[in-house]
Amino acid sequence: MNEKQNIIMAALVHRFGGWFVIVLAIIVGVLIGYLGGHWHTLQLQKQVNEQRDVIEQLYERAETYDYQQHIAMVELGIERAASQGLQQELLMAQDENFALRRELTFYQKIMAPEMEASGVVIDSLEVQPNIAADHYHFRIAVVQMERLRNLTKGEISMRLHGRKDNQVASYDLLALAHIEAKDRQFNMRYFTVLAGDFILPTEFLPERIDVEVKIEGSRQTLTRSFFWSQLLQGNT
């Protein structure tokens, strides 16, 4: 019996062994597929979490940008309001300045008529030192004071007074600046400006600059003196 049983078992193993291997392979394949699918699912879940974190960061950045934009808009509104206020103050200051100039012109006509003619005044003179020694830049402005400004023609002359070798000396400042005669004439409405550069004569000590403006069609001549020390301090 034992020999027969062994033969039967061998026959059964031989008959069903192939199926067992197939079933085992199927089980292993299913298990591998399951594990692979589970791993892929975990990877997808990881990617989803990462994308979610990125989205949250983008939302936070967007909120930060919105807040910064709001702050910037508020600051811009404040700056605009301040700018409008400054413009209003500037207009008021210009009106006040014009009124003061008219008042000054009125008193000049009484106290110093030589400083005003035909509604024109010598407004200011600026002298600034350049880099080179005894080298200066000047700028003279002549202004019409009347609101109804007509075309005004005239000529500017400037005389530099001082001392040289302990003696009184004077020079044509416009000649020192190499400004020709035709460039000294002006044809203006509202204002005119004449500027140039000049070099002081050797060993010359400047004291003042006399400005003279002749207005075409007027018998009067405008004159105004500027002291050198005040010009360098900017007190024109």
C-alpha atoms as a PDB file:
ATOM      1  CA  MET A   1       0.000   0.000   0.000  1.00  0.00           C
ATOM      2  CA  ASN A   2       2.721   2.348   0.757  1.00  0.00           C
ATOM      3  CA  GLU A   3       4.229   1.916  -2.646  1.00  0.00           C
ATOM      4  CA  LYS A   4       0.873   2.480  -4.300  1.00  0.00           C
ATOM      5  CA  GLN A   5       0.290   5.584  -2.207  1.00  0.00           C
ATOM      6  CA  ASN A   6       3.634   6.951  -3.202  1.00  0.00           C
ATOM      7  CA  ILE A   7       2.862   6.315  -6.828  1.00  0.00           C
ATOM      8  CA  ILE A   8      -0.524   8.029  -6.464  1.00  0.00           C
ATOM      9  CA  MET A   9       0.970  11.030  -4.705  1.00  0.00           C
ATOM     10  CA  ALA A  10       3.660  11.336  -7.353  1.00  0.00           C
ATOM     11  CA  ALA A  11       0.988  11.198 -10.029  1.00  0.00           C
ATOM     12  CA  LEU A  12      -1.068  13.860  -8.224  1.00  0.00           C
ATOM     13  CA  VAL A  13       1.945  16.086  -7.815  1.00  0.00           C
ATOM     14  CA  HIS A  14       2.870  15.626 -11.419  1.00  0.00           C
ATOM     15  CA  ARG A  15      -0.696  16.370 -12.502  1.00  0.00           C
ATOM     16  CA  PHE A  16      -1.469  19.334 -10.230  1.00  0.00           C
ATOM     17  CA  GLY A  17       2.036  20.777  -9.753  1.00  0.00           C
ATOM     18  CA  GLY A  18       1.784  22.965 -12.857  1.00  0.00           C
ATOM     19  CA  TRP A  19      -1.473  24.440 -11.675  1.00  0.00           C
ATOM     20  CA  PHE A  20       0.011  25.152  -8.287  1.00  0.00           C
ATOM     21  CA  VAL A  21       2.869  27.032  -9.847  1.00  0.00           C
ATOM     22  CA  ILE A  22       0.459  29.003 -11.996  1.00  0.00           C
ATOM     23  CA  VAL A  23      -1.753  29.860  -9.025  1.00  0.00           C
ATOM     24  CA  LEU A  24       1.282  30.829  -7.004  1.00  0.00           C
ATOM     25  CA  ALA A  25       2.519  33.041  -9.826  1.00  0.00           C
ATOM     26  CA  ILE A  26      -0.903  34.646 -10.061  1.00  0.00           C
ATOM     27  CA  ILE A  27      -0.946  35.308  -6.334  1.00  0.00           C
ATOM     28  CA  VAL A  28       2.536  36.760  -6.438  1.00  0.00           C
ATOM     29  CA  GLY A  29       1.599  38.904  -9.455  1.00  0.00           C
ATOM     30  CA  VAL A  30      -1.529  40.175  -7.734  1.00  0.00           C
ATOM     31  CA  LEU A  31       0.467  40.942  -4.613  1.00  0.00           C
ATOM     32  CA  ILE A  32       3.120  42.773  -6.589  1.00  0.00           C
ATOM     33  CA  GLY A  33       0.452  44.703  -8.485  1.00  0.00           C
ATOM     34  CA  TYR A  34      -1.265  45.611  -5.254  1.00  0.00           C
ATOM     35  CA  LEU A  35       1.964  46.747  -3.641  1.00  0.00           C
ATOM     36  CA  GLY A  36       2.908  48.688  -6.800  1.00  0.00           C
ATOM     37  CA  GLY A  37      -0.485  50.332  -6.957  1.00  0.00           C
ATOM     38  CA  HIS A  38      -0.316  51.165  -3.273  1.00  0.00           C
ATOM     39  CA  TRP A  39       3.152  52.713  -3.740  1.00  0.00           C
ATOM     40  CA  HIS A  40       1.922  54.700  -6.736  1.00  0.00           C
ATOM     41  CA  THR A  41      -1.052  55.869  -4.692  1.00  0.00           C
ATOM     42  CA  LEU A  42       1.291  56.997  -1.930  1.00  0.00           C
ATOM     43  CA  GLN A  43       3.394  58.893  -4.475  1.00  0.00           C
ATOM     44  CA  LEU A  44       0.310  60.582  -5.916  1.00  0.00           C
ATOM     45  CA  GLN A  45      -0.845  61.469  -2.401  1.00  0.00           C
ATOM     46  CA  LYS A  46       2.573  62.924  -1.695  1.00  0.00           C
ATOM     47  CA  GLN A  47       2.430  64.998  -4.879  1.00  0.00           C
ATOM     48  CA  VAL A  48      -1.083  66.155  -3.979  1.00  0.00           C
ATOM     49  CA  ASN A  49       0.138  67.240  -0.533  1.00  0.00           C
ATOM     50  CA  GLU A  50       3.082  69.076  -2.082  1.00  0.00           C
ATOM     51  CA  GLN A  51       0.803  70.827  -4.572  1.00  0.00           C
ATOM     52  CA  ARG A  52      -1.536  71.727  -1.719  1.00  0.00           C
ATOM     53  CA  ASP A  53       1.362  73.271   0.199  1.00  0.00           C
ATOM     54  CA  VAL A  54       2.385  75.227  -2.892  1.00  0.00           C
ATOM     55  CA  ILE A  55      -1.174  76.480  -3.350  1.00  0.00           C
ATOM     56  CA  GLU A  56      -1.345  77.548   0.295  1.00  0.00           C
ATOM     57  CA  GLN A  57       1.952  79.409  -0.091  1.00  0.00           C
ATOM     58  CA  LEU A  58       0.648  81.102  -3.226  1.00  0.00           C
ATOM     59  CA  TYR A  59      -2.496  82.139  -1.368  1.00  0.00           C
ATOM     60  CA  GLU A  60      -0.380  83.546   1.465  1.00  0.00           C
ATOM     61  CA  ARG A  61       1.829  85.433  -1.007  1.00  0.00           C
ATOM     62  CA  ALA A  62      -1.258  86.719  -2.818  1.00  0.00           C
ATOM     63  CA  GLU A  63      -2.698  87.966   0.476  1.00  0.00           C
ATOM     64  CA  THR A  64       0.642  89.608   1.304  1.00  0.00           C
ATOM     65  CA  TYR A  65       0.743  91.282  -2.111  1.00  0.00           C
ATOM     66  CA  ASP A  66      -2.842  92.452  -1.717  1.00  0.00           C
ATOM     67  CA  TYR A  67      -1.992  93.941   1.671  1.00  0.00           C
ATOM     68  CA  GLN A  68       1.145  95.621   0.301  1.00  0.00           C
ATOM     69  CA  GLN A  69      -0.828  96.944  -2.665  1.00  0.00           C
ATOM     70  CA  HIS A  70      -3.452  98.329  -0.312  1.00  0.00           C
ATOM     71  CA  ILE A  71      -0.766 100.025   1.791  1.00  0.00           C
ATOM     72  CA  ALA A  72       0.853 101.394  -1.384  1.00  0.00           C
ATOM     73  CA  MET A  73      -2.483 102.769  -2.599  1.00  0.00           C
ATOM     74  CA  VAL A  74      -3.066 104.429   0.781  1.00  0.00           C
ATOM     75  CA  GLU A  75       0.419 105.964   0.725  1.00  0.00           C
ATOM     76  CA  LEU A  76      -0.113 107.099  -2.876  1.00  0.00           C
ATOM     77  CA  GLY A  77      -3.376 108.731  -1.882  1.00  0.00           C
ATOM     78  CA  ILE A  78      -1.639 110.498   0.988  1.00  0.00           C
ATOM     79  CA  GLU A  79       1.168 111.664  -1.313  1.00  0.00           C
ATOM     80  CA  ARG A  80      -1.333 112.902  -3.886  1.00  0.00           C
ATOM     81  CA  ALA A  81      -3.239 114.782  -1.226  1.00  0.00           C
ATOM     82  CA  ALA A  82       0.019 116.249   0.086  1.00  0.00           C
ATOM     83  CA  SER A  83       1.060 117.152  -3.462  1.00  0.00           C
ATOM     84  CA  GLN A  84      -2.242 118.900  -4.097  1.00  0.00           C
ATOM     85  CA  GLY A  85      -1.825 120.744  -0.812  1.00  0.00           C
ATOM     86  CA  LEU A  86       1.695 121.782  -1.783  1.00  0.00           C
ATOM     87  CA  GLN A  87       0.443 122.964  -5.162  1.00  0.00           C
ATOM     88  CA  GLN A  88      -2.211 125.072  -3.475  1.00  0.00           C
ATOM     89  CA  GLU A  89       0.395 126.474  -1.099  1.00  0.00           C
ATOM     90  CA  LEU A  90       2.689 127.173  -4.040  1.00  0.00           C
ATOM     91  CA  LEU A  91      -0.061 129.035  -5.893  1.00  0.00           C
ATOM     92  CA  MET A  92      -0.833 131.022  -2.760  1.00  0.00           C
ATOM     93  CA  ALA A  93       2.866 131.780  -2.298  1.00  0.00           C
ATOM     94  CA  GLN A  94       3.137 132.880  -5.936  1.00  0.00           C
ATOM     95  CA  ASP A  95       0.144 135.173  -5.537  1.00  0.00           C
ATOM     96  CA  GLU A  96       1.591 136.553  -2.317  1.00  0.00           C
ATOM     97  CA  ASN A  97       4.973 136.980  -3.970  1.00  0.00           C
ATOM     98  CA  PHE A  98       3.387 138.839  -6.870  1.00  0.00           C
ATOM     99  CA  ALA A  99       1.510 141.073  -4.454  1.00  0.00           C
ATOM    100  CA  LEU A 100       4.701 141.790  -2.521  1.00  0.00           C
ATOM    101  CA  ARG A 101       6.536 142.568  -5.747  1.00  0.00           C
ATOM    102  CA  ARG A 102       3.814 144.993  -6.778  1.00  0.00           C
ATOM    103  CA  GLU A 103       4.005 146.603  -3.344  1.00  0.00           C
ATOM    104  CA  LEU A 104       7.791 146.746  -3.609  1.00  0.00           C
ATOM    105  CA  THR A 105       7.489 148.305  -7.054  1.00  0.00           C
ATOM    106  CA  PHE A 106       5.140 150.927  -5.644  1.00  0.00           C
ATOM    107  CA  TYR A 107       7.596 151.897  -2.909  1.00  0.00           C
ATOM    108  CA  GLN A 108      10.487 151.779  -5.358  1.00  0.00           C
ATOM    109  CA  LYS A 109       8.719 154.332  -7.524  1.00  0.00           C
ATOM    110  CA  ILE A 110       8.555 156.607  -4.481  1.00  0.00           C
ATOM    111  CA  MET A 111      11.861 155.908  -2.712  1.00  0.00           C
ATOM    112  CA  ALA A 112      14.109 154.704  -5.558  1.00  0.00           C
ATOM    113  CA  PRO A 113      12.618 155.471  -8.971  1.00  0.00           C
ATOM    114  CA  GLU A 114      15.872 154.492 -10.685  1.00  0.00           C
ATOM    115  CA  MET A 115      15.187 150.802  -9.802  1.00  0.00           C
ATOM    116  CA  GLU A 116      11.950 150.554 -11.826  1.00  0.00           C
ATOM    117  CA  ALA A 117      11.039 151.704 -15.309  1.00  0.00           C
ATOM    118  CA  SER A 118       8.074 150.845 -17.562  1.00  0.00           C
ATOM    119  CA  GLY A 119       6.986 148.073 -15.189  1.00  0.00           C
ATOM    120  CA  VAL A 120      10.393 146.372 -15.377  1.00  0.00           C
ATOM    121  CA  VAL A 121      12.731 145.689 -12.441  1.00  0.00           C
ATOM    122  CA  ILE A 122      16.161 144.150 -11.975  1.00  0.00           C
ATOM    123  CA  ASP A 123      14.976 141.115 -10.067  1.00  0.00           C
ATOM    124  CA  SER A 124      18.126 139.299  -8.920  1.00  0.00           C
ATOM    125  CA  LEU A 125      21.800 138.658  -9.483  1.00  0.00           C
ATOM    126  CA  GLU A 126      23.527 135.394  -8.587  1.00  0.00           C
ATOM    127  CA  VAL A 127      27.287 134.841  -8.514  1.00  0.00           C
ATOM    128  CA  GLN A 128      28.697 131.378  -7.836  1.00  0.00           C
ATOM    129  CA  PRO A 129      32.356 130.323  -7.719  1.00  0.00           C
ATOM    130  CA  ASN A 130      33.471 127.646 -10.171  1.00  0.00           C
ATOM    131  CA  ILE A 131      36.112 125.004  -9.534  1.00  0.00           C
ATOM    132  CA  ALA A 132      39.005 127.037 -10.963  1.00  0.00           C
ATOM    133  CA  ALA A 133      40.468 129.819  -8.831  1.00  0.00           C
ATOM    134  CA  ASP A 134      38.976 133.307  -9.415  1.00  0.00           C
ATOM    135  CA  HIS A 135      36.541 131.766 -11.913  1.00  0.00           C
ATOM    136  CA  TYR A 136      32.850 132.645 -11.378  1.00  0.00           C
ATOM    137  CA  HIS A 137      29.436 132.102 -12.933  1.00  0.00           C
ATOM    138  CA  PHE A 138      26.815 134.869 -12.907  1.00  0.00           C
ATOM    139  CA  ARG A 139      23.100 134.996 -13.681  1.00  0.00           C
ATOM    140  CA  ILE A 140      21.098 138.237 -13.891  1.00  0.00           C
ATOM    141  CA  ALA A 141      17.283 138.284 -14.162  1.00  0.00           C
ATOM    142  CA  VAL A 142      15.112 141.179 -15.339  1.00  0.00           C
ATOM    143  CA  VAL A 143      11.350 140.830 -14.730  1.00  0.00           C
ATOM    144  CA  GLN A 144       8.193 142.585 -15.918  1.00  0.00           C
ATOM    145  CA  MET A 145       5.943 143.413 -12.978  1.00  0.00           C
ATOM    146  CA  GLU A 146       2.731 144.318 -14.789  1.00  0.00           C
ATOM    147  CA  ARG A 147       0.049 141.687 -15.349  1.00  0.00           C
ATOM    148  CA  LEU A 148      -0.533 142.890 -18.922  1.00  0.00           C
ATOM    149  CA  ARG A 149       2.939 142.203 -20.195  1.00  0.00           C
ATOM    150  CA  ASN A 150       3.818 143.723 -23.515  1.00  0.00           C
ATOM    151  CA  LEU A 151       6.918 142.950 -25.510  1.00  0.00           C
ATOM    152  CA  THR A 152       9.805 144.879 -23.955  1.00  0.00           C
ATOM    153  CA  LYS A 153      13.171 145.570 -25.517  1.00  0.00           C
ATOM    154  CA  GLY A 154      16.294 146.822 -23.841  1.00  0.00           C
ATOM    155  CA  GLU A 155      19.964 146.339 -23.068  1.00  0.00           C
ATOM    156  CA  ILE A 156      21.870 145.134 -20.002  1.00  0.00           C
ATOM    157  CA  SER A 157      25.261 146.376 -18.842  1.00  0.00           C
ATOM    158  CA  MET A 158      27.246 145.294 -15.772  1.00  0.00           C
ATOM    159  CA  ARG A 159      30.229 146.966 -14.137  1.00  0.00           C
ATOM    160  CA  LEU A 160      32.547 145.218 -11.674  1.00  0.00           C
ATOM    161  CA  HIS A 161      34.110 147.586  -9.099  1.00  0.00           C
ATOM    162  CA  GLY A 162      36.923 146.919  -6.673  1.00  0.00           C
ATOM    163  CA  ARG A 163      40.547 147.583  -5.909  1.00  0.00           C
ATOM    164  CA  LYS A 164      43.777 146.619  -7.597  1.00  0.00           C
ATOM    165  CA  ASP A 165      47.242 147.552  -6.349  1.00  0.00           C
ATOM    166  CA  ASN A 166      45.528 149.571  -3.597  1.00  0.00           C
ATOM    167  CA  GLN A 167      43.756 151.707  -6.169  1.00  0.00           C
ATOM    168  CA  VAL A 168      40.131 151.919  -7.289  1.00  0.00           C
ATOM    169  CA  ALA A 169      39.502 149.884 -10.435  1.00  0.00           C
ATOM    170  CA  SER A 170      36.480 148.784 -12.463  1.00  0.00           C
ATOM    171  CA  TYR A 171      35.855 146.442 -15.387  1.00  0.00           C
ATOM    172  CA  ASP A 172      33.105 145.684 -17.841  1.00  0.00           C
ATOM    173  CA  LEU A 173      31.905 142.382 -16.414  1.00  0.00           C
ATOM    174  CA  LEU A 174      30.154 141.339 -19.618  1.00  0.00           C
ATOM    175  CA  ALA A 175      33.407 141.941 -21.491  1.00  0.00           C
ATOM    176  CA  LEU A 176      35.204 139.730 -18.958  1.00  0.00           C
ATOM    177  CA  ALA A 177      32.544 137.102 -19.722  1.00  0.00           C
ATOM    178  CA  HIS A 178      33.138 137.534 -23.491  1.00  0.00           C
ATOM    179  CA  ILE A 179      29.499 138.471 -24.083  1.00  0.00           C
ATOM    180  CA  GLU A 180      29.124 140.419 -27.300  1.00  0.00           C
ATOM    181  CA  ALA A 181      27.074 143.582 -27.683  1.00  0.00           C
ATOM    182  CA  LYS A 182      24.225 141.859 -29.557  1.00  0.00           C
ATOM    183  CA  ASP A 183      23.852 139.323 -26.723  1.00  0.00           C
ATOM    184  CA  ARG A 184      23.486 142.092 -24.153  1.00  0.00           C
ATOM    185  CA  GLN A 185      20.258 143.218 -25.790  1.00  0.00           C
ATOM    186  CA  PHE A 186      16.982 141.525 -24.865  1.00  0.00           C
ATOM    187  CA  ASN A 187      13.517 141.224 -26.317  1.00  0.00           C
ATOM    188  CA  MET A 188      11.320 139.838 -23.563  1.00  0.00           C
ATOM    189  CA  ARG A 189       7.845 139.151 -22.315  1.00  0.00           C
ATOM    190  CA  TYR A 190       7.538 138.232 -18.600  1.00  0.00           C
ATOM    191  CA  PHE A 191      11.303 138.015 -17.935  1.00  0.00           C
ATOM    192  CA  THR A 192      14.775 137.679 -19.403  1.00  0.00           C
ATOM    193  CA  VAL A 193      17.924 136.012 -18.037  1.00  0.00           C
ATOM    194  CA  LEU A 194      21.540 136.682 -18.959  1.00  0.00           C
ATOM    195  CA  ALA A 195      24.246 134.319 -17.718  1.00  0.00           C
ATOM    196  CA  GLY A 196      27.920 133.727 -18.292  1.00  0.00           C
ATOM    197  CA  ASP A 197      31.320 132.915 -16.787  1.00  0.00           C
ATOM    198  CA  PHE A 198      34.168 135.285 -16.050  1.00  0.00           C
ATOM    199  CA  ILE A 199      37.634 135.313 -14.497  1.00  0.00           C
ATOM    200  CA  LEU A 200      38.690 138.025 -12.100  1.00  0.00           C
ATOM    201  CA  PRO A 201      41.661 140.108 -13.238  1.00  0.00           C
ATOM    202  CA  THR A 202      44.956 139.304 -11.524  1.00  0.00           C
ATOM    203  CA  GLU A 203      45.296 140.712  -7.997  1.00  0.00           C
ATOM    204  CA  PHE A 204      41.869 142.330  -8.241  1.00  0.00           C
ATOM    205  CA  LEU A 205      39.693 142.515  -5.113  1.00  0.00           C
ATOM    206  CA  PRO A 206      35.995 142.819  -6.097  1.00  0.00           C
ATOM    207  CA  GLU A 207      33.676 144.950  -3.978  1.00  0.00           C
ATOM    208  CA  ARG A 208      30.398 145.376  -5.870  1.00  0.00           C
ATOM    209  CA  ILE A 209      28.635 144.938  -9.212  1.00  0.00           C
ATOM    210  CA  ASP A 210      26.543 147.724 -10.680  1.00  0.00           C
ATOM    211  CA  VAL A 211      23.785 146.600 -13.063  1.00  0.00           C
ATOM    212  CA  GLU A 212      22.220 148.992 -15.534  1.00  0.00           C
ATOM    213  CA  VAL A 213      19.216 148.238 -17.748  1.00  0.00           C
ATOM    214  CA  LYS A 214      18.078 150.569 -20.498  1.00  0.00           C
ATOM    215  CA  ILE A 215      14.492 150.105 -21.672  1.00  0.00           C
ATOM    216  CA  GLU A 216      13.723 150.988 -25.268  1.00  0.00           C
ATOM    217  CA  GLY A 217      11.157 153.775 -25.467  1.00  0.00           C
ATOM    218  CA  SER A 218      11.774 154.906 -21.889  1.00  0.00           C
ATOM    219  CA  ARG A 219      13.891 157.814 -20.739  1.00  0.00           C
ATOM    220  CA  GLN A 220      14.567 156.115 -17.447  1.00  0.00           C
ATOM    221  CA  THR A 221      17.467 153.744 -16.786  1.00  0.00           C
ATOM    222  CA  LEU A 222      17.251 150.982 -14.198  1.00  0.00           C
ATOM    223  CA  THR A 223      20.233 150.696 -11.859  1.00  0.00           C
ATOM    224  CA  ARG A 224      20.940 148.389  -8.965  1.00  0.00           C
ATOM    225  CA  SER A 225      24.108 147.641  -6.997  1.00  0.00           C
ATOM    226  CA  PHE A 226      25.040 144.254  -5.511  1.00  0.00           C
ATOM    227  CA  PHE A 227      27.813 143.921  -2.947  1.00  0.00           C
ATOM    228  CA  TRP A 228      30.278 141.113  -3.642  1.00  0.00           C
ATOM    229  CA  SER A 229      30.297 139.677  -0.118  1.00  0.00           C
ATOM    230  CA  GLN A 230      26.495 139.404  -0.110  1.00  0.00           C
ATOM    231  CA  LEU A 231      26.477 137.830  -3.561  1.00  0.00           C
ATOM    232  CA  LEU A 232      28.790 135.044  -2.404  1.00  0.00           C
ATOM    233  CA  GLN A 233      26.503 134.463   0.573  1.00  0.00           C
ATOM    234  CA  GLY A 234      23.493 134.239  -1.721  1.00  0.00           C
ATOM    235  CA  ASN A 235      21.836 137.343  -0.217  1.00  0.00           C
ATOM    236  CA  THR A 236      20.677 138.895  -3.453  1.00  0.00           C
END
